[in-house]
């Protein structure tokens, strides 16, 4: 009984930590040149991290593969925690903003929503 409870607690902690690193929604505020990264905390509460667009490292300058299921969002501030982005399974509404944040490489595996309102780049 104690072993199964301990196992369940360990699995819960590992899954919670993994889910905490995954980006739910990325917002770009073009006028303020800010990116808002929305993710869940360990307990499931939404947390927004607002950072300057200039702090985000373009995908071409990272070792990440945009065709992977998850790839890490790198920041120039090395002490900031890395968040995981999934353009392969997530949806992209504004291709132009995705390119503005991460560069052209982010489009390689991105899935677009049918109601994409910004058309071609």
C-alpha atoms as a PDB file:
ATOM      1  CA  UNK A   1       0.000   0.000   0.000  1.00  0.00           C
ATOM      2  CA  UNK A   2       2.769   2.450   0.892  1.00  0.00           C
ATOM      3  CA  UNK A   3       4.700   1.542  -2.258  1.00  0.00           C
ATOM      4  CA  UNK A   4       1.736   2.235  -4.538  1.00  0.00           C
ATOM      5  CA  UNK A   5       1.011   5.539  -2.770  1.00  0.00           C
ATOM      6  CA  UNK A   6       4.635   6.583  -3.100  1.00  0.00           C
ATOM      7  CA  UNK A   7       4.654   5.590  -6.770  1.00  0.00           C
ATOM      8  CA  UNK A   8       1.466   7.605  -7.411  1.00  0.00           C
ATOM      9  CA  UNK A   9       2.938  10.637  -5.657  1.00  0.00           C
ATOM     10  CA  UNK A  10       6.166  10.434  -7.679  1.00  0.00           C
ATOM     11  CA  UNK A  11       4.272  10.096 -10.967  1.00  0.00           C
ATOM     12  CA  UNK A  12       2.036  13.042 -10.036  1.00  0.00           C
ATOM     13  CA  UNK A  13       5.059  15.187  -9.226  1.00  0.00           C
ATOM     14  CA  UNK A  14       6.850  14.282 -12.468  1.00  0.00           C
ATOM     15  CA  UNK A  15       3.782  14.858 -14.644  1.00  0.00           C
ATOM     16  CA  UNK A  16       2.996  18.127 -12.874  1.00  0.00           C
ATOM     17  CA  UNK A  17       6.532  19.383 -13.401  1.00  0.00           C
ATOM     18  CA  UNK A  18       6.463  18.408 -17.079  1.00  0.00           C
ATOM     19  CA  UNK A  19       3.078  20.070 -17.639  1.00  0.00           C
ATOM     20  CA  UNK A  20       4.269  23.223 -15.869  1.00  0.00           C
ATOM     21  CA  UNK A  21       6.965  23.759 -18.507  1.00  0.00           C
ATOM     22  CA  UNK A  22       4.610  23.503 -21.508  1.00  0.00           C
ATOM     23  CA  UNK A  23       3.460  26.784 -23.060  1.00  0.00           C
ATOM     24  CA  UNK A  24      -0.308  26.949 -23.448  1.00  0.00           C
ATOM     25  CA  UNK A  25      -0.661  30.224 -25.350  1.00  0.00           C
ATOM     26  CA  UNK A  26       1.794  32.795 -26.706  1.00  0.00           C
ATOM     27  CA  UNK A  27       0.646  36.371 -27.173  1.00  0.00           C
ATOM     28  CA  UNK A  28       2.488  39.163 -28.945  1.00  0.00           C
ATOM     29  CA  UNK A  29       1.780  42.809 -28.195  1.00  0.00           C
ATOM     30  CA  UNK A  30       3.204  44.469 -31.349  1.00  0.00           C
ATOM     31  CA  UNK A  31       3.107  48.065 -30.076  1.00  0.00           C
ATOM     32  CA  UNK A  32       4.826  47.331 -26.776  1.00  0.00           C
ATOM     33  CA  UNK A  33       7.138  44.700 -28.315  1.00  0.00           C
ATOM     34  CA  UNK A  34       6.256  42.264 -25.532  1.00  0.00           C
ATOM     35  CA  UNK A  35       5.578  38.531 -25.517  1.00  0.00           C
ATOM     36  CA  UNK A  36       3.204  36.991 -22.988  1.00  0.00           C
ATOM     37  CA  UNK A  37       3.795  33.307 -22.281  1.00  0.00           C
ATOM     38  CA  UNK A  38       0.839  31.571 -20.631  1.00  0.00           C
ATOM     39  CA  UNK A  39       1.395  28.243 -18.878  1.00  0.00           C
ATOM     40  CA  UNK A  40       0.005  26.264 -15.951  1.00  0.00           C
ATOM     41  CA  UNK A  41       1.499  26.103 -12.488  1.00  0.00           C
ATOM     42  CA  UNK A  42       2.038  22.810 -10.679  1.00  0.00           C
ATOM     43  CA  UNK A  43      -1.456  23.070  -9.178  1.00  0.00           C
ATOM     44  CA  UNK A  44      -3.118  23.926 -12.496  1.00  0.00           C
ATOM     45  CA  UNK A  45      -3.487  27.688 -12.148  1.00  0.00           C
ATOM     46  CA  UNK A  46      -2.704  29.831 -15.201  1.00  0.00           C
ATOM     47  CA  UNK A  47       0.426  31.943 -14.906  1.00  0.00           C
ATOM     48  CA  UNK A  48       1.497  34.616 -17.394  1.00  0.00           C
ATOM     49  CA  UNK A  49       5.116  35.536 -17.956  1.00  0.00           C
ATOM     50  CA  UNK A  50       5.546  38.881 -19.754  1.00  0.00           C
ATOM     51  CA  UNK A  51       8.925  39.551 -21.314  1.00  0.00           C
ATOM     52  CA  UNK A  52      10.395  41.847 -23.960  1.00  0.00           C
ATOM     53  CA  UNK A  53      10.453  40.468 -27.490  1.00  0.00           C
ATOM     54  CA  UNK A  54      14.180  41.196 -27.581  1.00  0.00           C
ATOM     55  CA  UNK A  55      14.748  38.555 -24.853  1.00  0.00           C
ATOM     56  CA  UNK A  56      13.502  35.695 -27.061  1.00  0.00           C
ATOM     57  CA  UNK A  57      16.247  33.905 -28.993  1.00  0.00           C
ATOM     58  CA  UNK A  58      15.286  33.246 -32.635  1.00  0.00           C
ATOM     59  CA  UNK A  59      14.866  29.563 -33.409  1.00  0.00           C
ATOM     60  CA  UNK A  60      17.691  29.720 -35.986  1.00  0.00           C
ATOM     61  CA  UNK A  61      20.154  30.554 -33.184  1.00  0.00           C
ATOM     62  CA  UNK A  62      19.183  27.552 -31.043  1.00  0.00           C
ATOM     63  CA  UNK A  63      19.860  23.822 -31.417  1.00  0.00           C
ATOM     64  CA  UNK A  64      16.116  23.118 -31.350  1.00  0.00           C
ATOM     65  CA  UNK A  65      14.309  21.211 -34.112  1.00  0.00           C
ATOM     66  CA  UNK A  66      10.976  22.921 -34.932  1.00  0.00           C
ATOM     67  CA  UNK A  67       9.667  19.639 -36.371  1.00  0.00           C
ATOM     68  CA  UNK A  68       9.951  17.954 -32.964  1.00  0.00           C
ATOM     69  CA  UNK A  69       6.799  17.482 -30.907  1.00  0.00           C
ATOM     70  CA  UNK A  70       8.153  19.885 -28.277  1.00  0.00           C
ATOM     71  CA  UNK A  71      11.020  22.351 -28.612  1.00  0.00           C
ATOM     72  CA  UNK A  72      12.438  24.659 -25.969  1.00  0.00           C
ATOM     73  CA  UNK A  73      11.864  28.394 -26.091  1.00  0.00           C
ATOM     74  CA  UNK A  74      15.289  29.914 -25.397  1.00  0.00           C
ATOM     75  CA  UNK A  75      15.765  33.319 -23.796  1.00  0.00           C
ATOM     76  CA  UNK A  76      18.901  35.452 -23.735  1.00  0.00           C
ATOM     77  CA  UNK A  77      18.566  35.479 -19.940  1.00  0.00           C
ATOM     78  CA  UNK A  78      20.110  32.074 -19.197  1.00  0.00           C
ATOM     79  CA  UNK A  79      18.713  32.022 -15.661  1.00  0.00           C
ATOM     80  CA  UNK A  80      15.098  32.067 -16.921  1.00  0.00           C
ATOM     81  CA  UNK A  81      13.389  28.672 -16.997  1.00  0.00           C
ATOM     82  CA  UNK A  82      12.934  27.139 -20.443  1.00  0.00           C
ATOM     83  CA  UNK A  83       9.393  26.611 -21.619  1.00  0.00           C
ATOM     84  CA  UNK A  84       8.365  23.950 -24.129  1.00  0.00           C
ATOM     85  CA  UNK A  85       6.454  24.911 -27.276  1.00  0.00           C
ATOM     86  CA  UNK A  86       4.595  22.556 -29.603  1.00  0.00           C
ATOM     87  CA  UNK A  87       3.866  23.942 -33.050  1.00  0.00           C
ATOM     88  CA  UNK A  88       3.393  20.405 -34.389  1.00  0.00           C
ATOM     89  CA  UNK A  89       0.289  19.723 -32.268  1.00  0.00           C
ATOM     90  CA  UNK A  90      -0.640  23.221 -31.166  1.00  0.00           C
ATOM     91  CA  UNK A  91      -2.489  25.676 -33.345  1.00  0.00           C
ATOM     92  CA  UNK A  92      -1.105  28.858 -34.861  1.00  0.00           C
ATOM     93  CA  UNK A  93      -3.577  31.606 -35.579  1.00  0.00           C
ATOM     94  CA  UNK A  94      -1.233  34.405 -36.701  1.00  0.00           C
ATOM     95  CA  UNK A  95       1.719  33.180 -38.757  1.00  0.00           C
ATOM     96  CA  UNK A  96       3.130  36.703 -38.956  1.00  0.00           C
ATOM     97  CA  UNK A  97       3.397  36.957 -35.164  1.00  0.00           C
ATOM     98  CA  UNK A  98       4.967  33.502 -34.867  1.00  0.00           C
ATOM     99  CA  UNK A  99       7.640  34.583 -37.362  1.00  0.00           C
ATOM    100  CA  UNK A 100       8.134  37.862 -35.503  1.00  0.00           C
ATOM    101  CA  UNK A 101       8.770  35.996 -32.242  1.00  0.00           C
ATOM    102  CA  UNK A 102      10.794  32.957 -33.376  1.00  0.00           C
ATOM    103  CA  UNK A 103      11.785  33.571 -37.015  1.00  0.00           C
ATOM    104  CA  UNK A 104      10.942  31.733 -40.238  1.00  0.00           C
ATOM    105  CA  UNK A 105      12.113  28.346 -38.905  1.00  0.00           C
ATOM    106  CA  UNK A 106       9.108  28.176 -36.591  1.00  0.00           C
ATOM    107  CA  UNK A 107       6.830  27.743 -39.614  1.00  0.00           C
ATOM    108  CA  UNK A 108       8.381  24.408 -40.629  1.00  0.00           C
ATOM    109  CA  UNK A 109       6.040  22.204 -38.613  1.00  0.00           C
ATOM    110  CA  UNK A 110       3.391  24.690 -37.499  1.00  0.00           C
ATOM    111  CA  UNK A 111      -0.249  23.739 -37.875  1.00  0.00           C
ATOM    112  CA  UNK A 112      -2.514  26.608 -38.813  1.00  0.00           C
ATOM    113  CA  UNK A 113      -6.046  27.153 -37.697  1.00  0.00           C
ATOM    114  CA  UNK A 114      -8.595  27.291 -40.479  1.00  0.00           C
ATOM    115  CA  UNK A 115      -9.767  30.711 -39.319  1.00  0.00           C
ATOM    116  CA  UNK A 116      -6.257  32.193 -39.740  1.00  0.00           C
ATOM    117  CA  UNK A 117      -7.039  35.812 -40.448  1.00  0.00           C
ATOM    118  CA  UNK A 118      -3.673  37.214 -41.413  1.00  0.00           C
ATOM    119  CA  UNK A 119      -3.235  35.281 -44.643  1.00  0.00           C
ATOM    120  CA  UNK A 120       0.086  34.885 -46.364  1.00  0.00           C
ATOM    121  CA  UNK A 121       3.299  36.321 -45.030  1.00  0.00           C
END
